[in-house]
Amino acid sequence: MQTNIDPKDTSGFSFQVDLLNLNLQLALAEKAPEPQTKAHESALAQMRTLASRA
């Protein structure tokens, strides 16, 4: 995933949100609570970062 995103370029935004939603779904499907919690927290943090740039 890109780390230095140009705030004027929104071409990849939808793809990034879709990827984060997929990560959330995969995290929710995990059996072990510890990896699920870490993945969920990471995906939420990334979504908040993207949302604050929009």
PDB file of N, CA and C in Angstrom:
ATOM      1  N   MET A   1       0.837  -1.175   0.000  1.00  0.00           N
ATOM      2  CA  MET A   1       0.000   0.000   0.000  1.00  0.00           C
ATOM      3  C   MET A   1       0.885   1.242   0.000  1.00  0.00           C
ATOM      4  N   GLN A   2       0.475   2.256  -0.737  1.00  0.00           N
ATOM      5  CA  GLN A   2       1.257   3.485  -0.804  1.00  0.00           C
ATOM      6  C   GLN A   2       1.285   4.189   0.536  1.00  0.00           C
ATOM      7  N   THR A   3       2.443   4.747   0.867  1.00  0.00           N
ATOM      8  CA  THR A   3       2.536   5.471   2.131  1.00  0.00           C
ATOM      9  C   THR A   3       2.467   6.970   1.926  1.00  0.00           C
ATOM     10  N   ASN A   4       2.941   7.471   0.798  1.00  0.00           N
ATOM     11  CA  ASN A   4       2.858   8.901   0.534  1.00  0.00           C
ATOM     12  C   ASN A   4       1.841   9.137  -0.578  1.00  0.00           C
ATOM     13  N   ILE A   5       0.595   9.312  -0.167  1.00  0.00           N
ATOM     14  CA  ILE A   5      -0.526   9.457  -1.082  1.00  0.00           C
ATOM     15  C   ILE A   5      -0.713  10.937  -1.409  1.00  0.00           C
ATOM     16  N   ASP A   6      -0.813  11.239  -2.697  1.00  0.00           N
ATOM     17  CA  ASP A   6      -1.086  12.609  -3.129  1.00  0.00           C
ATOM     18  C   ASP A   6      -2.544  12.915  -2.807  1.00  0.00           C
ATOM     19  N   PRO A   7      -2.818  13.926  -1.973  1.00  0.00           N
ATOM     20  CA  PRO A   7      -4.204  14.206  -1.578  1.00  0.00           C
ATOM     21  C   PRO A   7      -5.095  14.617  -2.753  1.00  0.00           C
ATOM     22  N   LYS A   8      -4.518  15.061  -3.873  1.00  0.00           N
ATOM     23  CA  LYS A   8      -5.313  15.469  -5.027  1.00  0.00           C
ATOM     24  C   LYS A   8      -5.641  14.291  -5.936  1.00  0.00           C
ATOM     25  N   ASP A   9      -4.925  13.193  -5.790  1.00  0.00           N
ATOM     26  CA  ASP A   9      -5.147  12.012  -6.626  1.00  0.00           C
ATOM     27  C   ASP A   9      -6.038  11.032  -5.885  1.00  0.00           C
ATOM     28  N   THR A  10      -7.270  10.897  -6.346  1.00  0.00           N
ATOM     29  CA  THR A  10      -8.234  10.005  -5.685  1.00  0.00           C
ATOM     30  C   THR A  10      -8.487   8.736  -6.498  1.00  0.00           C
ATOM     31  N   SER A  11      -7.682   8.493  -7.537  1.00  0.00           N
ATOM     32  CA  SER A  11      -7.928   7.351  -8.412  1.00  0.00           C
ATOM     33  C   SER A  11      -7.816   6.020  -7.684  1.00  0.00           C
ATOM     34  N   GLY A  12      -6.933   5.910  -6.698  1.00  0.00           N
ATOM     35  CA  GLY A  12      -6.768   4.653  -5.992  1.00  0.00           C
ATOM     36  C   GLY A  12      -7.558   4.562  -4.703  1.00  0.00           C
ATOM     37  N   PHE A  13      -8.314   5.598  -4.366  1.00  0.00           N
ATOM     38  CA  PHE A  13      -9.009   5.635  -3.079  1.00  0.00           C
ATOM     39  C   PHE A  13     -10.026   4.515  -2.950  1.00  0.00           C
ATOM     40  N   SER A  14     -10.852   4.315  -3.973  1.00  0.00           N
ATOM     41  CA  SER A  14     -11.886   3.277  -3.916  1.00  0.00           C
ATOM     42  C   SER A  14     -11.258   1.901  -3.754  1.00  0.00           C
ATOM     43  N   PHE A  15     -10.185   1.644  -4.495  1.00  0.00           N
ATOM     44  CA  PHE A  15      -9.494   0.363  -4.387  1.00  0.00           C
ATOM     45  C   PHE A  15      -8.952   0.165  -2.976  1.00  0.00           C
ATOM     46  N   GLN A  16      -8.373   1.213  -2.389  1.00  0.00           N
ATOM     47  CA  GLN A  16      -7.812   1.106  -1.043  1.00  0.00           C
ATOM     48  C   GLN A  16      -8.906   0.830  -0.020  1.00  0.00           C
ATOM     49  N   VAL A  17     -10.038   1.477  -0.160  1.00  0.00           N
ATOM     50  CA  VAL A  17     -11.156   1.240   0.763  1.00  0.00           C
ATOM     51  C   VAL A  17     -11.665  -0.190   0.609  1.00  0.00           C
ATOM     52  N   ASP A  18     -11.780  -0.656  -0.642  1.00  0.00           N
ATOM     53  CA  ASP A  18     -12.211  -2.045  -0.874  1.00  0.00           C
ATOM     54  C   ASP A  18     -11.230  -3.029  -0.244  1.00  0.00           C
ATOM     55  N   LEU A  19      -9.949  -2.752  -0.390  1.00  0.00           N
ATOM     56  CA  LEU A  19      -8.929  -3.626   0.191  1.00  0.00           C
ATOM     57  C   LEU A  19      -9.010  -3.628   1.711  1.00  0.00           C
ATOM     58  N   LEU A  20      -9.235  -2.467   2.298  1.00  0.00           N
ATOM     59  CA  LEU A  20      -9.364  -2.398   3.754  1.00  0.00           C
ATOM     60  C   LEU A  20     -10.622  -3.124   4.235  1.00  0.00           C
ATOM     61  N   ASN A  21     -11.702  -2.990   3.486  1.00  0.00           N
ATOM     62  CA  ASN A  21     -12.922  -3.723   3.849  1.00  0.00           C
ATOM     63  C   ASN A  21     -12.696  -5.227   3.761  1.00  0.00           C
ATOM     64  N   LEU A  22     -11.953  -5.661   2.760  1.00  0.00           N
ATOM     65  CA  LEU A  22     -11.617  -7.079   2.656  1.00  0.00           C
ATOM     66  C   LEU A  22     -10.786  -7.515   3.859  1.00  0.00           C
ATOM     67  N   ASN A  23      -9.810  -6.699   4.241  1.00  0.00           N
ATOM     68  CA  ASN A  23      -8.994  -7.015   5.413  1.00  0.00           C
ATOM     69  C   ASN A  23      -9.852  -7.115   6.670  1.00  0.00           C
ATOM     70  N   LEU A  24     -10.836  -6.237   6.800  1.00  0.00           N
ATOM     71  CA  LEU A  24     -11.740  -6.305   7.951  1.00  0.00           C
ATOM     72  C   LEU A  24     -12.524  -7.613   7.949  1.00  0.00           C
ATOM     73  N   GLN A  25     -13.048  -7.993   6.778  1.00  0.00           N
ATOM     74  CA  GLN A  25     -13.816  -9.234   6.690  1.00  0.00           C
ATOM     75  C   GLN A  25     -12.940 -10.439   7.011  1.00  0.00           C
ATOM     76  N   LEU A  26     -11.718 -10.434   6.516  1.00  0.00           N
ATOM     77  CA  LEU A  26     -10.807 -11.538   6.817  1.00  0.00           C
ATOM     78  C   LEU A  26     -10.467 -11.574   8.300  1.00  0.00           C
ATOM     79  N   ALA A  27     -10.285 -10.407   8.888  1.00  0.00           N
ATOM     80  CA  ALA A  27      -9.975 -10.344  10.317  1.00  0.00           C
ATOM     81  C   ALA A  27     -11.148 -10.876  11.141  1.00  0.00           C
ATOM     82  N   LEU A  28     -12.352 -10.558  10.744  1.00  0.00           N
ATOM     83  CA  LEU A  28     -13.536 -11.033  11.469  1.00  0.00           C
ATOM     84  C   LEU A  28     -13.711 -12.544  11.324  1.00  0.00           C
ATOM     85  N   ALA A  29     -13.212 -13.105  10.219  1.00  0.00           N
ATOM     86  CA  ALA A  29     -13.346 -14.542   9.983  1.00  0.00           C
ATOM     87  C   ALA A  29     -12.268 -15.361  10.705  1.00  0.00           C
ATOM     88  N   GLU A  30     -11.260 -14.706  11.240  1.00  0.00           N
ATOM     89  CA  GLU A  30     -10.183 -15.412  11.942  1.00  0.00           C
ATOM     90  C   GLU A  30     -10.733 -16.140  13.165  1.00  0.00           C
ATOM     91  N   LYS A  31     -10.165 -17.296  13.462  1.00  0.00           N
ATOM     92  CA  LYS A  31     -10.606 -18.067  14.624  1.00  0.00           C
ATOM     93  C   LYS A  31      -9.934 -17.582  15.909  1.00  0.00           C
ATOM     94  N   ALA A  32      -8.636 -17.300  15.843  1.00  0.00           N
ATOM     95  CA  ALA A  32      -7.895 -16.867  17.032  1.00  0.00           C
ATOM     96  C   ALA A  32      -8.168 -15.383  17.294  1.00  0.00           C
ATOM     97  N   PRO A  33      -8.542 -15.028  18.517  1.00  0.00           N
ATOM     98  CA  PRO A  33      -8.903 -13.638  18.800  1.00  0.00           C
ATOM     99  C   PRO A  33      -7.731 -12.661  18.693  1.00  0.00           C
ATOM    100  N   GLU A  34      -6.526 -13.065  19.034  1.00  0.00           N
ATOM    101  CA  GLU A  34      -5.394 -12.128  19.032  1.00  0.00           C
ATOM    102  C   GLU A  34      -5.067 -11.603  17.630  1.00  0.00           C
ATOM    103  N   PRO A  35      -4.853 -12.467  16.617  1.00  0.00           N
ATOM    104  CA  PRO A  35      -4.597 -11.943  15.265  1.00  0.00           C
ATOM    105  C   PRO A  35      -5.783 -11.152  14.723  1.00  0.00           C
ATOM    106  N   GLN A  36      -6.988 -11.600  15.061  1.00  0.00           N
ATOM    107  CA  GLN A  36      -8.182 -10.896  14.598  1.00  0.00           C
ATOM    108  C   GLN A  36      -8.204  -9.486  15.161  1.00  0.00           C
ATOM    109  N   THR A  37      -7.920  -9.350  16.428  1.00  0.00           N
ATOM    110  CA  THR A  37      -7.938  -8.044  17.070  1.00  0.00           C
ATOM    111  C   THR A  37      -6.896  -7.126  16.452  1.00  0.00           C
ATOM    112  N   LYS A  38      -5.687  -7.630  16.234  1.00  0.00           N
ATOM    113  CA  LYS A  38      -4.621  -6.812  15.639  1.00  0.00           C
ATOM    114  C   LYS A  38      -4.982  -6.391  14.222  1.00  0.00           C
ATOM    115  N   ALA A  39      -5.476  -7.301  13.419  1.00  0.00           N
ATOM    116  CA  ALA A  39      -5.836  -6.991  12.037  1.00  0.00           C
ATOM    117  C   ALA A  39      -6.991  -5.995  11.997  1.00  0.00           C
ATOM    118  N   HIS A  40      -7.958  -6.194  12.878  1.00  0.00           N
ATOM    119  CA  HIS A  40      -9.111  -5.311  12.936  1.00  0.00           C
ATOM    120  C   HIS A  40      -8.689  -3.896  13.322  1.00  0.00           C
ATOM    121  N   GLU A  41      -7.864  -3.772  14.358  1.00  0.00           N
ATOM    122  CA  GLU A  41      -7.395  -2.463  14.793  1.00  0.00           C
ATOM    123  C   GLU A  41      -6.573  -1.776  13.706  1.00  0.00           C
ATOM    124  N   SER A  42      -5.741  -2.538  13.023  1.00  0.00           N
ATOM    125  CA  SER A  42      -4.918  -1.986  11.952  1.00  0.00           C
ATOM    126  C   SER A  42      -5.785  -1.485  10.796  1.00  0.00           C
ATOM    127  N   ALA A  43      -6.764  -2.269  10.396  1.00  0.00           N
ATOM    128  CA  ALA A  43      -7.645  -1.874   9.300  1.00  0.00           C
ATOM    129  C   ALA A  43      -8.466  -0.646   9.673  1.00  0.00           C
ATOM    130  N   LEU A  44      -8.951  -0.595  10.897  1.00  0.00           N
ATOM    131  CA  LEU A  44      -9.719   0.573  11.330  1.00  0.00           C
ATOM    132  C   LEU A  44      -8.852   1.829  11.344  1.00  0.00           C
ATOM    133  N   ALA A  45      -7.624   1.710  11.808  1.00  0.00           N
ATOM    134  CA  ALA A  45      -6.714   2.855  11.826  1.00  0.00           C
ATOM    135  C   ALA A  45      -6.439   3.348  10.407  1.00  0.00           C
ATOM    136  N   GLN A  46      -6.254   2.417   9.478  1.00  0.00           N
ATOM    137  CA  GLN A  46      -6.011   2.804   8.093  1.00  0.00           C
ATOM    138  C   GLN A  46      -7.245   3.462   7.487  1.00  0.00           C
ATOM    139  N   MET A  47      -8.427   2.951   7.786  1.00  0.00           N
ATOM    140  CA  MET A  47      -9.648   3.548   7.274  1.00  0.00           C
ATOM    141  C   MET A  47      -9.847   4.952   7.821  1.00  0.00           C
ATOM    142  N   ARG A  48      -9.548   5.157   9.108  1.00  0.00           N
ATOM    143  CA  ARG A  48      -9.668   6.496   9.692  1.00  0.00           C
ATOM    144  C   ARG A  48      -8.694   7.466   9.019  1.00  0.00           C
ATOM    145  N   THR A  49      -7.485   7.001   8.734  1.00  0.00           N
ATOM    146  CA  THR A  49      -6.491   7.834   8.064  1.00  0.00           C
ATOM    147  C   THR A  49      -6.981   8.232   6.695  1.00  0.00           C
ATOM    148  N   LEU A  50      -7.510   7.274   5.931  1.00  0.00           N
ATOM    149  CA  LEU A  50      -8.010   7.572   4.588  1.00  0.00           C
ATOM    150  C   LEU A  50      -9.224   8.499   4.654  1.00  0.00           C
ATOM    151  N   ALA A  51     -10.107   8.280   5.593  1.00  0.00           N
ATOM    152  CA  ALA A  51     -11.299   9.100   5.720  1.00  0.00           C
ATOM    153  C   ALA A  51     -10.949  10.537   6.088  1.00  0.00           C
ATOM    154  N   SER A  52      -9.916  10.728   6.903  1.00  0.00           N
ATOM    155  CA  SER A  52      -9.547  12.076   7.300  1.00  0.00           C
ATOM    156  C   SER A  52      -8.906  12.848   6.152  1.00  0.00           C
ATOM    157  N   ARG A  53      -8.399  12.138   5.139  1.00  0.00           N
ATOM    158  CA  ARG A  53      -7.797  12.790   3.977  1.00  0.00           C
ATOM    159  C   ARG A  53      -8.819  13.148   2.921  1.00  0.00           C
ATOM    160  N   ALA A  54     -10.000  12.568   3.014  1.00  0.00           N
ATOM    161  CA  ALA A  54     -11.018  12.794   1.981  1.00  0.00           C
ATOM    162  C   ALA A  54     -11.670  14.153   2.124  1.00  0.00           C
TER     163      ALA A  54
END
